[in-house]
Amino acid sequence: MNDVVTLIARVYKNDDFGVQQVVEERRREVMCDVQSANRAEFFAGMQAGLSPEYMMHIHPIEYRGETVAEYNGRQYAVYRTYKKSADCLELYLQQEVGVQDDLCGDQCTD
């Protein structure tokens, strides 16, 4: 494993209006191998309304059901896992819905 990903477990609580709010994030760094989503995964995901970006290999013992992964400063939703072997778990990631990067830097104004 030659890269690092931050796995994030979020704890939610309903506010006074019944809307779920994130009240806590538990973050852990784990070692991983990263690959772009392959062609078959990309097109199958697109048909299901997903936009696959990465597939990461981690040790199965490292995964605790986290639903968010942070890699290279961007957050991704973990939309699928697959236990490839006793020593390898595949995490499939897509850009997290509702997360928008600041693509225009200082040039944007409100």
N, C-alpha and C. Protein backbone atom coordinates (compact mmCIF):
# COMPACT_ATOMS: atom_id res chain seq x y z
N MET A 1 0.87 -1.17 0.00
CA MET A 1 0.00 0.00 0.00
C MET A 1 0.91 1.23 0.00
N ASN A 2 0.64 2.13 -0.92
CA ASN A 2 1.55 3.25 -1.09
C ASN A 2 0.89 4.63 -1.01
N ASP A 3 -0.34 4.71 -0.54
CA ASP A 3 -1.03 5.99 -0.43
C ASP A 3 -1.83 6.02 0.87
N VAL A 4 -2.39 7.17 1.18
CA VAL A 4 -3.17 7.33 2.42
C VAL A 4 -4.53 7.93 2.09
N VAL A 5 -5.58 7.38 2.69
CA VAL A 5 -6.93 7.92 2.58
C VAL A 5 -7.45 8.13 4.00
N THR A 6 -8.23 9.18 4.17
CA THR A 6 -8.88 9.44 5.46
C THR A 6 -10.31 8.93 5.38
N LEU A 7 -10.63 7.96 6.22
CA LEU A 7 -12.00 7.43 6.30
C LEU A 7 -12.75 8.22 7.36
N ILE A 8 -13.98 8.61 7.03
CA ILE A 8 -14.76 9.49 7.90
C ILE A 8 -16.10 8.83 8.23
N ALA A 9 -16.35 8.67 9.52
CA ALA A 9 -17.65 8.19 10.00
C ALA A 9 -18.38 9.41 10.56
N ARG A 10 -19.59 9.64 10.09
CA ARG A 10 -20.37 10.79 10.55
C ARG A 10 -21.48 10.34 11.48
N VAL A 11 -21.69 11.14 12.53
CA VAL A 11 -22.78 10.90 13.47
C VAL A 11 -23.81 11.99 13.23
N TYR A 12 -25.06 11.58 13.02
CA TYR A 12 -26.14 12.51 12.70
C TYR A 12 -27.13 12.60 13.85
N LYS A 13 -27.80 13.75 13.93
CA LYS A 13 -28.87 13.95 14.89
C LYS A 13 -29.92 14.83 14.23
N ASN A 14 -31.18 14.53 14.46
CA ASN A 14 -32.26 15.36 13.92
C ASN A 14 -32.36 16.66 14.69
N ASP A 15 -32.50 17.77 13.96
CA ASP A 15 -32.69 19.06 14.63
C ASP A 15 -34.17 19.23 14.99
N ASP A 16 -34.55 20.41 15.44
CA ASP A 16 -35.93 20.66 15.88
C ASP A 16 -36.95 20.52 14.75
N PHE A 17 -36.49 20.58 13.50
CA PHE A 17 -37.39 20.48 12.35
C PHE A 17 -37.36 19.09 11.72
N GLY A 18 -36.64 18.15 12.34
CA GLY A 18 -36.56 16.79 11.83
C GLY A 18 -35.54 16.59 10.73
N VAL A 19 -34.70 17.59 10.50
CA VAL A 19 -33.66 17.51 9.47
C VAL A 19 -32.39 16.96 10.09
N GLN A 20 -31.80 15.95 9.44
CA GLN A 20 -30.56 15.37 9.97
C GLN A 20 -29.40 16.35 9.82
N GLN A 21 -28.67 16.52 10.89
CA GLN A 21 -27.49 17.39 10.91
C GLN A 21 -26.30 16.57 11.39
N VAL A 22 -25.13 16.81 10.80
CA VAL A 22 -23.90 16.16 11.25
C VAL A 22 -23.49 16.79 12.56
N VAL A 23 -23.36 15.97 13.61
CA VAL A 23 -22.96 16.50 14.91
C VAL A 23 -21.53 16.10 15.28
N GLU A 24 -21.00 15.11 14.55
CA GLU A 24 -19.63 14.66 14.84
C GLU A 24 -19.07 13.93 13.63
N GLU A 25 -17.76 14.10 13.41
CA GLU A 25 -17.06 13.34 12.39
C GLU A 25 -15.88 12.64 13.05
N ARG A 26 -15.79 11.35 12.83
CA ARG A 26 -14.65 10.56 13.34
C ARG A 26 -13.76 10.24 12.15
N ARG A 27 -12.52 10.72 12.18
CA ARG A 27 -11.61 10.60 11.05
C ARG A 27 -10.43 9.70 11.41
N ARG A 28 -10.08 8.82 10.44
CA ARG A 28 -8.91 7.95 10.62
C ARG A 28 -8.17 7.83 9.30
N GLU A 29 -6.87 7.85 9.35
CA GLU A 29 -6.07 7.65 8.15
C GLU A 29 -5.68 6.18 8.04
N VAL A 30 -5.81 5.63 6.84
CA VAL A 30 -5.41 4.25 6.58
C VAL A 30 -4.61 4.20 5.28
N MET A 31 -3.76 3.21 5.17
CA MET A 31 -2.97 3.00 3.97
C MET A 31 -3.86 2.38 2.90
N CYS A 32 -3.58 2.72 1.63
CA CYS A 32 -4.39 2.21 0.54
C CYS A 32 -3.60 2.20 -0.76
N ASP A 33 -4.12 1.51 -1.75
CA ASP A 33 -3.69 1.61 -3.14
C ASP A 33 -4.86 2.21 -3.90
N VAL A 34 -4.59 3.17 -4.77
CA VAL A 34 -5.64 3.90 -5.46
C VAL A 34 -5.58 3.63 -6.96
N GLN A 35 -6.76 3.44 -7.54
CA GLN A 35 -6.89 3.30 -8.99
C GLN A 35 -8.11 4.11 -9.42
N SER A 36 -8.09 4.58 -10.65
CA SER A 36 -9.30 5.20 -11.20
C SER A 36 -10.33 4.10 -11.40
N ALA A 37 -11.59 4.48 -11.35
CA ALA A 37 -12.66 3.50 -11.63
C ALA A 37 -12.46 2.98 -13.05
N ASN A 38 -12.53 1.66 -13.22
CA ASN A 38 -12.34 1.10 -14.56
C ASN A 38 -13.57 1.37 -15.43
N ARG A 39 -13.44 1.10 -16.70
CA ARG A 39 -14.49 1.41 -17.67
C ARG A 39 -15.81 0.72 -17.32
N ALA A 40 -15.76 -0.56 -16.97
CA ALA A 40 -16.99 -1.29 -16.66
C ALA A 40 -17.68 -0.69 -15.43
N GLU A 41 -16.91 -0.38 -14.39
CA GLU A 41 -17.47 0.22 -13.17
C GLU A 41 -18.05 1.60 -13.48
N PHE A 42 -17.34 2.36 -14.29
CA PHE A 42 -17.79 3.70 -14.63
C PHE A 42 -19.14 3.66 -15.34
N PHE A 43 -19.26 2.84 -16.38
CA PHE A 43 -20.51 2.80 -17.14
C PHE A 43 -21.65 2.15 -16.36
N ALA A 44 -21.36 1.11 -15.58
CA ALA A 44 -22.40 0.51 -14.74
C ALA A 44 -22.87 1.51 -13.69
N GLY A 45 -21.94 2.25 -13.12
CA GLY A 45 -22.30 3.27 -12.15
C GLY A 45 -23.14 4.38 -12.75
N MET A 46 -22.76 4.82 -13.95
CA MET A 46 -23.51 5.88 -14.62
C MET A 46 -24.95 5.43 -14.90
N GLN A 47 -25.14 4.16 -15.26
CA GLN A 47 -26.49 3.65 -15.50
C GLN A 47 -27.32 3.65 -14.23
N ALA A 48 -26.66 3.53 -13.09
CA ALA A 48 -27.36 3.51 -11.80
C ALA A 48 -27.45 4.91 -11.18
N GLY A 49 -27.03 5.94 -11.93
CA GLY A 49 -27.11 7.30 -11.42
C GLY A 49 -25.93 7.70 -10.54
N LEU A 50 -24.84 6.95 -10.61
CA LEU A 50 -23.64 7.26 -9.83
C LEU A 50 -22.58 7.84 -10.76
N SER A 51 -21.53 8.41 -10.17
CA SER A 51 -20.41 8.89 -10.98
C SER A 51 -19.10 8.40 -10.36
N PRO A 52 -18.77 7.12 -10.59
CA PRO A 52 -17.58 6.52 -9.99
C PRO A 52 -16.30 7.27 -10.37
N GLU A 53 -15.42 7.44 -9.39
CA GLU A 53 -14.14 8.09 -9.66
C GLU A 53 -12.95 7.23 -9.29
N TYR A 54 -12.98 6.62 -8.10
CA TYR A 54 -11.83 5.85 -7.63
C TYR A 54 -12.25 4.49 -7.10
N MET A 55 -11.30 3.57 -7.15
CA MET A 55 -11.40 2.31 -6.44
C MET A 55 -10.14 2.23 -5.58
N MET A 56 -10.31 1.96 -4.31
CA MET A 56 -9.18 1.88 -3.38
C MET A 56 -9.13 0.50 -2.75
N HIS A 57 -7.93 -0.03 -2.64
CA HIS A 57 -7.71 -1.29 -1.92
C HIS A 57 -7.21 -0.94 -0.52
N ILE A 58 -7.87 -1.49 0.49
CA ILE A 58 -7.41 -1.35 1.87
C ILE A 58 -7.48 -2.73 2.52
N HIS A 59 -6.88 -2.85 3.70
CA HIS A 59 -7.00 -4.09 4.46
C HIS A 59 -8.40 -4.14 5.08
N PRO A 60 -9.10 -5.26 4.97
CA PRO A 60 -10.47 -5.35 5.49
C PRO A 60 -10.59 -4.99 6.96
N ILE A 61 -9.58 -5.28 7.74
CA ILE A 61 -9.64 -4.99 9.18
C ILE A 61 -9.66 -3.48 9.45
N GLU A 62 -9.22 -2.69 8.47
CA GLU A 62 -9.16 -1.23 8.61
C GLU A 62 -10.53 -0.57 8.41
N TYR A 63 -11.46 -1.27 7.78
CA TYR A 63 -12.74 -0.65 7.42
C TYR A 63 -13.78 -0.90 8.50
N ARG A 64 -14.43 0.17 8.95
CA ARG A 64 -15.44 0.09 10.01
C ARG A 64 -16.79 0.66 9.55
N GLY A 65 -17.06 0.54 8.26
CA GLY A 65 -18.35 0.98 7.75
C GLY A 65 -18.45 2.46 7.46
N GLU A 66 -17.32 3.16 7.35
CA GLU A 66 -17.36 4.59 7.05
C GLU A 66 -18.04 4.83 5.71
N THR A 67 -18.73 5.96 5.60
CA THR A 67 -19.46 6.28 4.38
C THR A 67 -18.82 7.41 3.58
N VAL A 68 -17.76 8.00 4.11
CA VAL A 68 -17.07 9.10 3.44
C VAL A 68 -15.57 8.84 3.48
N ALA A 69 -14.90 9.18 2.38
CA ALA A 69 -13.44 9.07 2.31
C ALA A 69 -12.90 10.39 1.79
N GLU A 70 -11.79 10.83 2.36
CA GLU A 70 -11.15 12.06 1.88
C GLU A 70 -9.82 11.69 1.27
N TYR A 71 -9.63 12.15 0.03
CA TYR A 71 -8.41 11.82 -0.70
C TYR A 71 -7.98 13.04 -1.50
N ASN A 72 -6.72 13.43 -1.36
CA ASN A 72 -6.19 14.61 -2.06
C ASN A 72 -7.04 15.85 -1.84
N GLY A 73 -7.50 16.04 -0.61
CA GLY A 73 -8.25 17.24 -0.26
C GLY A 73 -9.71 17.27 -0.69
N ARG A 74 -10.20 16.18 -1.27
CA ARG A 74 -11.60 16.12 -1.71
C ARG A 74 -12.33 15.00 -0.98
N GLN A 75 -13.60 15.21 -0.72
CA GLN A 75 -14.39 14.19 -0.04
C GLN A 75 -15.22 13.41 -1.06
N TYR A 76 -15.28 12.10 -0.84
CA TYR A 76 -15.99 11.19 -1.72
C TYR A 76 -16.92 10.31 -0.89
N ALA A 77 -18.05 9.95 -1.48
CA ALA A 77 -18.96 9.00 -0.84
C ALA A 77 -18.49 7.59 -1.17
N VAL A 78 -18.50 6.70 -0.18
CA VAL A 78 -18.22 5.28 -0.41
C VAL A 78 -19.56 4.67 -0.80
N TYR A 79 -19.71 4.31 -2.07
CA TYR A 79 -21.01 3.81 -2.53
C TYR A 79 -21.06 2.30 -2.64
N ARG A 80 -19.89 1.64 -2.56
CA ARG A 80 -19.88 0.18 -2.65
C ARG A 80 -18.58 -0.34 -2.10
N THR A 81 -18.65 -1.52 -1.46
CA THR A 81 -17.45 -2.22 -1.01
C THR A 81 -17.49 -3.64 -1.55
N TYR A 82 -16.32 -4.23 -1.71
CA TYR A 82 -16.23 -5.60 -2.19
C TYR A 82 -15.01 -6.25 -1.56
N LYS A 83 -15.22 -7.35 -0.83
CA LYS A 83 -14.10 -8.06 -0.22
C LYS A 83 -13.50 -8.98 -1.27
N LYS A 84 -12.36 -8.56 -1.80
CA LYS A 84 -11.71 -9.28 -2.89
C LYS A 84 -11.00 -10.53 -2.38
N SER A 85 -10.40 -10.42 -1.19
CA SER A 85 -9.71 -11.55 -0.57
C SER A 85 -9.64 -11.29 0.93
N ALA A 86 -9.02 -12.21 1.64
CA ALA A 86 -8.89 -12.04 3.09
C ALA A 86 -8.03 -10.83 3.43
N ASP A 87 -7.18 -10.40 2.50
CA ASP A 87 -6.27 -9.28 2.74
C ASP A 87 -6.63 -8.02 1.96
N CYS A 88 -7.73 -8.03 1.22
CA CYS A 88 -8.02 -6.89 0.35
C CYS A 88 -9.51 -6.58 0.28
N LEU A 89 -9.86 -5.36 0.62
CA LEU A 89 -11.22 -4.85 0.49
C LEU A 89 -11.18 -3.71 -0.50
N GLU A 90 -12.08 -3.74 -1.48
CA GLU A 90 -12.18 -2.66 -2.46
C GLU A 90 -13.25 -1.67 -2.01
N LEU A 91 -12.89 -0.38 -1.99
CA LEU A 91 -13.84 0.70 -1.73
C LEU A 91 -14.06 1.43 -3.04
N TYR A 92 -15.31 1.64 -3.43
CA TYR A 92 -15.64 2.37 -4.64
C TYR A 92 -16.15 3.74 -4.23
N LEU A 93 -15.57 4.78 -4.81
CA LEU A 93 -15.85 6.15 -4.39
C LEU A 93 -16.41 7.00 -5.52
N GLN A 94 -17.31 7.91 -5.16
CA GLN A 94 -17.80 8.91 -6.10
C GLN A 94 -17.76 10.26 -5.39
N GLN A 95 -17.71 11.34 -6.18
CA GLN A 95 -17.72 12.68 -5.59
C GLN A 95 -18.94 12.79 -4.69
N GLU A 96 -18.73 13.25 -3.48
CA GLU A 96 -19.83 13.32 -2.52
C GLU A 96 -20.85 14.37 -2.93
N VAL A 97 -22.12 14.00 -2.91
CA VAL A 97 -23.20 14.92 -3.28
C VAL A 97 -23.24 16.06 -2.27
N GLY A 98 -23.35 17.28 -2.77
CA GLY A 98 -23.45 18.44 -1.90
C GLY A 98 -22.11 19.04 -1.53
N VAL A 99 -21.01 18.40 -1.92
CA VAL A 99 -19.69 18.95 -1.64
C VAL A 99 -19.19 19.59 -2.92
N GLN A 100 -18.85 20.86 -2.84
CA GLN A 100 -18.39 21.57 -4.01
C GLN A 100 -17.05 22.20 -3.68
N ASP A 101 -16.07 21.97 -4.53
CA ASP A 101 -14.75 22.55 -4.33
C ASP A 101 -14.75 23.99 -4.81
N ASP A 102 -13.85 24.78 -4.25
CA ASP A 102 -13.68 26.16 -4.68
C ASP A 102 -12.82 26.14 -5.94
N LEU A 103 -13.47 26.03 -7.10
CA LEU A 103 -12.74 25.88 -8.36
C LEU A 103 -12.23 27.20 -8.92
N CYS A 104 -12.79 28.31 -8.48
CA CYS A 104 -12.38 29.58 -9.09
C CYS A 104 -11.49 30.41 -8.16
N GLY A 105 -11.17 29.89 -6.98
CA GLY A 105 -10.23 30.60 -6.09
C GLY A 105 -10.69 31.98 -5.73
N ASP A 106 -9.78 32.97 -5.81
CA ASP A 106 -10.07 34.35 -5.43
C ASP A 106 -10.85 35.11 -6.49
N GLN A 107 -11.10 34.51 -7.65
CA GLN A 107 -11.77 35.21 -8.73
C GLN A 107 -13.29 35.26 -8.55
N CYS A 108 -13.84 34.42 -7.69
CA CYS A 108 -15.30 34.41 -7.49
C CYS A 108 -15.73 35.48 -6.51
N THR A 109 -16.84 36.08 -6.78
CA THR A 109 -17.44 37.04 -5.86
C THR A 109 -18.91 36.72 -5.70
N ASP A 110 -19.46 37.07 -4.58
CA ASP A 110 -20.90 36.82 -4.34
C ASP A 110 -21.74 37.91 -4.92
